[in-house]
Amino acid sequence: MNENMLHNIAEELAKKVNKALNLPILNEQQEQAFFEMVILLLLELLINKLGLNLDVNN
């Protein structure tokens, strides 16, 4: 699994989460970036726990 694929997955998941949740202190772009960051961290943690080493930090 490559880094670009993870970013695409995180972006799509973040869009769905962003649509379902509203953080009143952030605008839509900030919410999207926040959710993408959190989802990327979770995906990285999950993949590393499965035994694959992948760093998704830009």
N, C-alpha and C. Protein backbone atom coordinates (compact mmCIF):
# COMPACT_ATOMS: atom_id res chain seq x y z
N MET A 1 0.85 -1.17 0.00
CA MET A 1 0.00 0.00 0.00
C MET A 1 0.89 1.23 0.00
N ASN A 2 0.66 2.13 -0.93
CA ASN A 2 1.53 3.30 -0.98
C ASN A 2 0.92 4.51 -0.27
N GLU A 3 1.76 5.49 -0.06
CA GLU A 3 1.38 6.68 0.70
C GLU A 3 0.27 7.46 0.01
N ASN A 4 0.32 7.55 -1.31
CA ASN A 4 -0.69 8.29 -2.06
C ASN A 4 -2.07 7.66 -1.88
N MET A 5 -2.12 6.34 -1.87
CA MET A 5 -3.39 5.64 -1.69
C MET A 5 -3.98 5.94 -0.31
N LEU A 6 -3.12 5.99 0.71
CA LEU A 6 -3.60 6.31 2.05
C LEU A 6 -4.16 7.72 2.12
N HIS A 7 -3.50 8.65 1.45
CA HIS A 7 -3.99 10.03 1.45
C HIS A 7 -5.36 10.10 0.77
N ASN A 8 -5.55 9.35 -0.30
CA ASN A 8 -6.84 9.33 -0.99
C ASN A 8 -7.93 8.74 -0.11
N ILE A 9 -7.62 7.65 0.58
CA ILE A 9 -8.57 7.02 1.49
C ILE A 9 -8.92 7.99 2.62
N ALA A 10 -7.90 8.62 3.19
CA ALA A 10 -8.12 9.56 4.29
C ALA A 10 -8.98 10.74 3.83
N GLU A 11 -8.73 11.23 2.63
CA GLU A 11 -9.51 12.36 2.11
C GLU A 11 -10.98 11.98 1.97
N GLU A 12 -11.25 10.81 1.41
CA GLU A 12 -12.64 10.38 1.23
C GLU A 12 -13.34 10.15 2.57
N LEU A 13 -12.64 9.49 3.50
CA LEU A 13 -13.22 9.28 4.83
C LEU A 13 -13.46 10.60 5.54
N ALA A 14 -12.52 11.52 5.42
CA ALA A 14 -12.65 12.83 6.06
C ALA A 14 -13.84 13.60 5.50
N LYS A 15 -14.10 13.48 4.20
CA LYS A 15 -15.26 14.14 3.61
C LYS A 15 -16.55 13.62 4.24
N LYS A 16 -16.61 12.31 4.44
CA LYS A 16 -17.81 11.71 5.03
C LYS A 16 -17.96 12.14 6.49
N VAL A 17 -16.87 12.15 7.23
CA VAL A 17 -16.92 12.57 8.63
C VAL A 17 -17.27 14.06 8.71
N ASN A 18 -16.68 14.86 7.86
CA ASN A 18 -16.92 16.30 7.84
C ASN A 18 -18.39 16.59 7.54
N LYS A 19 -18.97 15.77 6.67
CA LYS A 19 -20.38 15.95 6.33
C LYS A 19 -21.28 15.61 7.52
N ALA A 20 -20.86 14.62 8.32
CA ALA A 20 -21.67 14.16 9.45
C ALA A 20 -21.49 15.01 10.70
N LEU A 21 -20.32 15.60 10.87
CA LEU A 21 -20.01 16.37 12.08
C LEU A 21 -19.73 17.82 11.73
N ASN A 22 -20.05 18.69 12.66
CA ASN A 22 -19.74 20.10 12.48
C ASN A 22 -19.00 20.59 13.72
N LEU A 23 -17.81 21.11 13.51
CA LEU A 23 -17.04 21.72 14.58
C LEU A 23 -17.22 23.23 14.46
N PRO A 24 -17.98 23.83 15.36
CA PRO A 24 -18.36 25.24 15.18
C PRO A 24 -17.21 26.23 15.21
N ILE A 25 -16.08 25.86 15.78
CA ILE A 25 -14.97 26.81 15.85
C ILE A 25 -14.09 26.82 14.60
N LEU A 26 -14.35 25.89 13.67
CA LEU A 26 -13.54 25.77 12.45
C LEU A 26 -14.42 25.98 11.22
N ASN A 27 -13.81 26.52 10.15
CA ASN A 27 -14.54 26.59 8.89
C ASN A 27 -14.41 25.24 8.17
N GLU A 28 -15.10 25.09 7.06
CA GLU A 28 -15.15 23.78 6.37
C GLU A 28 -13.77 23.28 5.94
N GLN A 29 -12.91 24.17 5.43
CA GLN A 29 -11.58 23.75 5.00
C GLN A 29 -10.74 23.29 6.18
N GLN A 30 -10.86 24.01 7.29
CA GLN A 30 -10.12 23.62 8.49
C GLN A 30 -10.62 22.30 9.05
N GLU A 31 -11.94 22.10 9.04
CA GLU A 31 -12.51 20.83 9.49
C GLU A 31 -11.98 19.69 8.62
N GLN A 32 -12.00 19.89 7.31
CA GLN A 32 -11.54 18.85 6.38
C GLN A 32 -10.08 18.50 6.67
N ALA A 33 -9.24 19.50 6.82
CA ALA A 33 -7.82 19.26 7.10
C ALA A 33 -7.64 18.53 8.44
N PHE A 34 -8.40 18.93 9.44
CA PHE A 34 -8.32 18.29 10.75
C PHE A 34 -8.70 16.81 10.67
N PHE A 35 -9.84 16.53 10.03
CA PHE A 35 -10.30 15.15 9.93
C PHE A 35 -9.33 14.31 9.10
N GLU A 36 -8.78 14.87 8.03
CA GLU A 36 -7.79 14.13 7.23
C GLU A 36 -6.57 13.78 8.06
N MET A 37 -6.09 14.72 8.86
CA MET A 37 -4.92 14.48 9.70
C MET A 37 -5.20 13.35 10.70
N VAL A 38 -6.34 13.42 11.36
CA VAL A 38 -6.68 12.41 12.35
C VAL A 38 -6.83 11.04 11.69
N ILE A 39 -7.50 10.99 10.55
CA ILE A 39 -7.70 9.72 9.87
C ILE A 39 -6.38 9.16 9.35
N LEU A 40 -5.50 10.01 8.83
CA LEU A 40 -4.18 9.54 8.39
C LEU A 40 -3.39 8.94 9.56
N LEU A 41 -3.44 9.59 10.71
CA LEU A 41 -2.75 9.06 11.89
C LEU A 41 -3.32 7.70 12.29
N LEU A 42 -4.63 7.57 12.27
CA LEU A 42 -5.26 6.30 12.61
C LEU A 42 -4.92 5.20 11.60
N LEU A 43 -4.94 5.54 10.32
CA LEU A 43 -4.58 4.56 9.30
C LEU A 43 -3.13 4.12 9.45
N GLU A 44 -2.24 5.08 9.72
CA GLU A 44 -0.83 4.75 9.91
C GLU A 44 -0.65 3.81 11.10
N LEU A 45 -1.34 4.12 12.19
CA LEU A 45 -1.26 3.28 13.39
C LEU A 45 -1.77 1.87 13.10
N LEU A 46 -2.89 1.77 12.43
CA LEU A 46 -3.47 0.47 12.08
C LEU A 46 -2.53 -0.33 11.18
N ILE A 47 -2.00 0.30 10.16
CA ILE A 47 -1.11 -0.40 9.22
C ILE A 47 0.16 -0.85 9.92
N ASN A 48 0.71 0.01 10.77
CA ASN A 48 1.92 -0.38 11.51
C ASN A 48 1.64 -1.53 12.48
N LYS A 49 0.46 -1.55 13.09
CA LYS A 49 0.10 -2.65 13.99
C LYS A 49 -0.05 -3.96 13.22
N LEU A 50 -0.38 -3.87 11.95
CA LEU A 50 -0.52 -5.06 11.12
C LEU A 50 0.84 -5.57 10.63
N GLY A 51 1.91 -4.87 10.98
CA GLY A 51 3.24 -5.32 10.64
C GLY A 51 3.87 -4.65 9.44
N LEU A 52 3.19 -3.71 8.85
CA LEU A 52 3.75 -2.97 7.72
C LEU A 52 4.27 -1.65 8.24
N ASN A 53 5.44 -1.25 7.82
CA ASN A 53 5.99 0.03 8.25
C ASN A 53 5.77 1.05 7.15
N LEU A 54 4.95 2.04 7.47
CA LEU A 54 4.63 3.07 6.51
C LEU A 54 4.51 4.39 7.24
N ASP A 55 5.27 5.38 6.80
CA ASP A 55 5.22 6.70 7.41
C ASP A 55 4.49 7.63 6.46
N VAL A 56 3.36 8.17 6.90
CA VAL A 56 2.55 9.02 6.03
C VAL A 56 2.76 10.50 6.29
N ASN A 57 3.75 10.84 7.06
CA ASN A 57 4.04 12.26 7.32
C ASN A 57 4.58 12.90 6.05
N ASN A 58 4.09 14.13 5.78
CA ASN A 58 4.54 14.85 4.58
C ASN A 58 5.80 15.57 4.90
